[in-house]
Structures are given as C-alpha cells and as structure tokens.
Amino acid sequence: MHTPIVRWISVTEFAVAHNFGVDEVITRIHRGNLNGVVIGARWYVLDELVSLHIPDRSHPERATLWIAATRDGPHLKAGCDTTVELNLVYDDTIRTAVGKLFGPANVRPDRPIDITLGTDTWIIDPSLQGELLGALLEWQVEVELGDLLVQYAPRPAN
C-alpha cells in the first residue's frame, strides 16, 4: 500500500529541487504561497504536498490522490493539518483541472481557483496549485501517452 509522504526540507534543498533562489523561496513563504517554518534559526518548507499513486499499472486511469492541506470546507491550502484522500478516475474533469491549473495563456493563477476532482469541487490555494498540477499532469501523460512512451522509449545515454 502506497502512503503519502509529508516532510519538511531546508529552504536550500527546496530551492535547488525547484530551481528557485533561496530568497525567492523565503519571499513565497512570507506571501503565503509556501508553508514554511523556522526551526533552530533555519527555514524549512513543507514538501511532498501532493502524491498520486496508480495501484494497477494495467489500469492507469484509476488512481489515489493525497493532498497535505489545511482544510476549511472545500478550501485547501498547503499544510499538514489533514490529508485529503481522493480515489479518482481519469476523465474530462481531470483534463479541465489541468487546464485551470495552467491558467490562461499558461500563466498559473495567483489566487485560489475551483476545480473538480472526483465528485467534489475544491477551492485550491496557490500554495498547492503547482504541486497539484505536477501530479495531475504526470498522470495525464501516463494515461494518454503511456503506450507511446513505452514504444518510443529514449535510448540509453552512452
């Protein structure tokens, strides 16, 4: 059984992993776009906010999505108060969610947006939008291009 991972990592580690400057990460924490905390005079960021697991690779259209969040009704903001677990089936609502998370003209929204996941509509804070987009986009590629990815696998590097 796959279980989601919620962990705190140093701002430096997070910055390197996401191609940000350390100052930019701290600015995002202050703006409320990332969850951060000072522990022992060092900044840490909540990482692994969204996790998607496909239990049966022969049916990639079925997956479980976990979101580490602070929840207020349908409003979800990055946090570790609760883990929202959703059993999903890949369909047009997932494609629509990916499109909304990309935003108009491929500029991610800087405000909460509503998206439907499963049978529920959620209001997703910007602090979760990037992580959620990454998980759903990876799932979209797996479902829609999976056979092509196997057929045209990259050649090993020399």
Protein backbone atom coordinates (compact mmCIF):
# COMPACT_ATOMS: atom_id res chain seq x y z
CA MET A 1 0.00 0.00 0.00
CA HIS A 2 1.34 3.39 -1.01
CA THR A 3 1.17 6.07 1.65
CA PRO A 4 1.75 9.77 1.11
CA ILE A 5 4.85 11.43 2.48
CA VAL A 6 4.71 14.80 4.20
CA ARG A 7 8.07 16.16 5.18
CA TRP A 8 9.91 19.37 6.00
CA ILE A 9 13.05 20.14 3.99
CA SER A 10 15.52 23.00 4.23
CA VAL A 11 14.83 26.08 2.13
CA THR A 12 18.13 25.49 0.34
CA GLU A 13 17.21 21.91 -0.60
CA PHE A 14 13.76 23.04 -1.76
CA ALA A 15 15.24 25.91 -3.80
CA VAL A 16 17.66 23.59 -5.60
CA ALA A 17 14.97 20.96 -6.28
CA HIS A 18 12.55 23.53 -7.72
CA ASN A 19 15.09 25.79 -9.45
CA PHE A 20 14.40 28.82 -7.24
CA GLY A 21 16.73 31.13 -5.39
CA VAL A 22 16.69 30.80 -1.59
CA ASP A 23 15.47 34.41 -1.24
CA GLU A 24 12.60 33.69 -3.65
CA VAL A 25 11.53 30.69 -1.56
CA ILE A 26 11.54 32.78 1.63
CA THR A 27 9.56 35.52 -0.16
CA ARG A 28 6.99 32.90 -1.23
CA ILE A 29 6.73 31.75 2.39
CA HIS A 30 6.10 35.32 3.56
CA ARG A 31 3.45 35.82 0.84
CA GLY A 32 1.69 32.63 1.95
CA ASN A 33 2.41 30.74 -1.29
CA LEU A 34 4.51 28.11 0.52
CA ASN A 35 4.27 26.68 4.01
CA GLY A 36 7.45 27.43 5.88
CA VAL A 37 8.70 27.41 9.43
CA VAL A 38 11.85 28.45 11.27
CA ILE A 39 13.38 25.62 13.27
CA GLY A 40 16.62 26.29 15.13
CA ALA A 41 17.21 29.57 13.22
CA ARG A 42 16.86 27.81 9.81
CA TRP A 43 13.98 27.99 7.36
CA TYR A 44 12.20 24.80 6.29
CA VAL A 45 9.49 24.23 3.68
CA LEU A 46 6.72 21.66 3.69
CA ASP A 47 7.48 19.36 0.76
CA GLU A 48 5.63 16.48 -0.91
CA LEU A 49 2.27 18.19 -0.58
CA VAL A 50 0.61 16.13 -3.30
CA SER A 51 1.08 12.45 -4.03
CA LEU A 52 -0.64 10.38 -6.71
CA HIS A 53 -0.50 6.59 -6.79
CA ILE A 54 -1.67 4.28 -9.57
CA PRO A 55 -2.27 0.93 -7.83
CA ASP A 56 -2.61 -1.15 -11.03
CA ARG A 57 -0.44 -0.12 -13.99
CA SER A 58 -2.68 -2.10 -16.35
CA HIS A 59 -5.45 0.41 -15.45
CA PRO A 60 -3.62 3.76 -15.17
CA GLU A 61 -6.92 5.65 -15.39
CA ARG A 62 -7.60 4.80 -11.72
CA ALA A 63 -5.52 6.49 -9.05
CA THR A 64 -5.50 7.71 -5.49
CA LEU A 65 -4.54 11.33 -4.86
CA TRP A 66 -3.38 12.59 -1.48
CA ILE A 67 -3.17 16.29 -0.66
CA ALA A 68 -1.48 17.51 2.53
CA ALA A 69 -3.58 20.51 3.47
CA THR A 70 -5.14 22.85 5.91
CA ARG A 71 -8.81 22.38 5.11
CA ASP A 72 -11.72 24.73 5.66
CA GLY A 73 -14.70 23.06 3.99
CA PRO A 74 -13.84 22.84 0.28
CA HIS A 75 -10.90 25.27 0.67
CA LEU A 76 -7.49 23.57 0.59
CA LYS A 77 -4.23 25.34 1.47
CA ALA A 78 -0.80 23.75 1.82
CA GLY A 79 -0.43 22.39 5.31
CA CYS A 80 -0.07 19.31 7.43
CA ASP A 81 -3.32 19.53 9.44
CA THR A 82 -5.03 16.85 7.37
CA THR A 83 -4.54 14.63 4.35
CA VAL A 84 -7.33 14.66 1.81
CA GLU A 85 -7.53 11.30 0.05
CA LEU A 86 -9.39 11.06 -3.25
CA ASN A 87 -9.97 7.95 -5.36
CA LEU A 88 -10.12 9.26 -8.92
CA VAL A 89 -10.84 8.06 -12.42
CA TYR A 90 -9.10 9.92 -15.25
CA ASP A 91 -11.71 11.73 -17.37
CA ASP A 92 -12.57 15.16 -18.78
CA THR A 93 -12.79 16.67 -15.29
CA ILE A 94 -9.08 15.89 -14.78
CA ARG A 95 -8.23 17.47 -18.16
CA THR A 96 -10.26 20.53 -17.16
CA ALA A 97 -8.49 20.70 -13.79
CA VAL A 98 -5.08 20.58 -15.52
CA GLY A 99 -6.17 23.42 -17.82
CA LYS A 100 -7.36 25.56 -14.91
CA LEU A 101 -4.14 24.94 -13.00
CA PHE A 102 -2.10 26.00 -16.05
CA GLY A 103 -4.16 29.18 -16.18
CA PRO A 104 -4.97 31.39 -19.13
CA ALA A 105 -2.04 31.83 -21.52
CA ASN A 106 -0.10 29.27 -19.43
CA VAL A 107 0.31 31.71 -16.54
CA ARG A 108 -0.54 29.99 -13.28
CA PRO A 109 -3.22 31.77 -11.26
CA ASP A 110 -2.11 33.80 -8.25
CA ARG A 111 -5.42 33.37 -6.46
CA PRO A 112 -7.45 30.36 -5.30
CA ILE A 113 -9.24 28.50 -8.10
CA ASP A 114 -12.03 25.96 -8.05
CA ILE A 115 -11.50 22.57 -9.64
CA THR A 116 -13.48 19.38 -9.63
CA LEU A 117 -11.72 16.21 -8.50
CA GLY A 118 -13.90 13.14 -8.37
CA THR A 119 -17.39 14.21 -7.38
CA ASP A 120 -16.38 17.24 -5.33
CA THR A 121 -15.39 20.79 -6.21
CA TRP A 122 -12.40 22.10 -4.27
CA ILE A 123 -11.03 25.62 -3.93
CA ILE A 124 -7.27 25.25 -4.32
CA ASP A 125 -4.98 27.88 -2.81
CA PRO A 126 -1.90 28.96 -4.83
CA SER A 127 0.25 27.23 -2.21
CA LEU A 128 -0.97 23.86 -3.59
CA GLN A 129 -1.51 24.64 -7.26
CA GLY A 130 2.00 23.84 -8.52
CA GLU A 131 2.26 20.51 -6.72
CA LEU A 132 -1.26 19.51 -7.77
CA LEU A 133 -0.59 20.50 -11.38
CA GLY A 134 2.59 18.41 -11.41
CA ALA A 135 0.83 15.29 -10.10
CA LEU A 136 -2.17 15.61 -12.42
CA LEU A 137 -0.03 16.41 -15.45
CA GLU A 138 2.18 13.38 -14.81
CA TRP A 139 -0.98 11.27 -14.55
CA GLN A 140 -2.33 12.76 -17.78
CA VAL A 141 0.88 11.82 -19.62
CA GLU A 142 0.76 8.29 -18.17
CA VAL A 143 -2.86 7.73 -19.22
CA GLU A 144 -2.87 9.47 -22.59
CA LEU A 145 0.66 8.70 -23.80
CA GLY A 146 1.63 5.62 -21.81
CA ASP A 147 1.77 3.19 -24.75
CA LEU A 148 3.70 5.70 -26.87
CA LEU A 149 6.19 6.28 -24.06
CA VAL A 150 6.90 2.55 -23.96
CA GLN A 151 7.03 2.22 -27.74
CA TYR A 152 9.35 5.23 -28.16
CA ALA A 153 11.43 4.94 -25.02
CA PRO A 154 14.58 7.10 -25.01
CA ARG A 155 17.83 5.42 -25.94
CA PRO A 156 20.26 4.91 -23.08
CA ALA A 157 22.98 7.56 -22.83
CA ASN A 158 26.49 6.40 -23.72
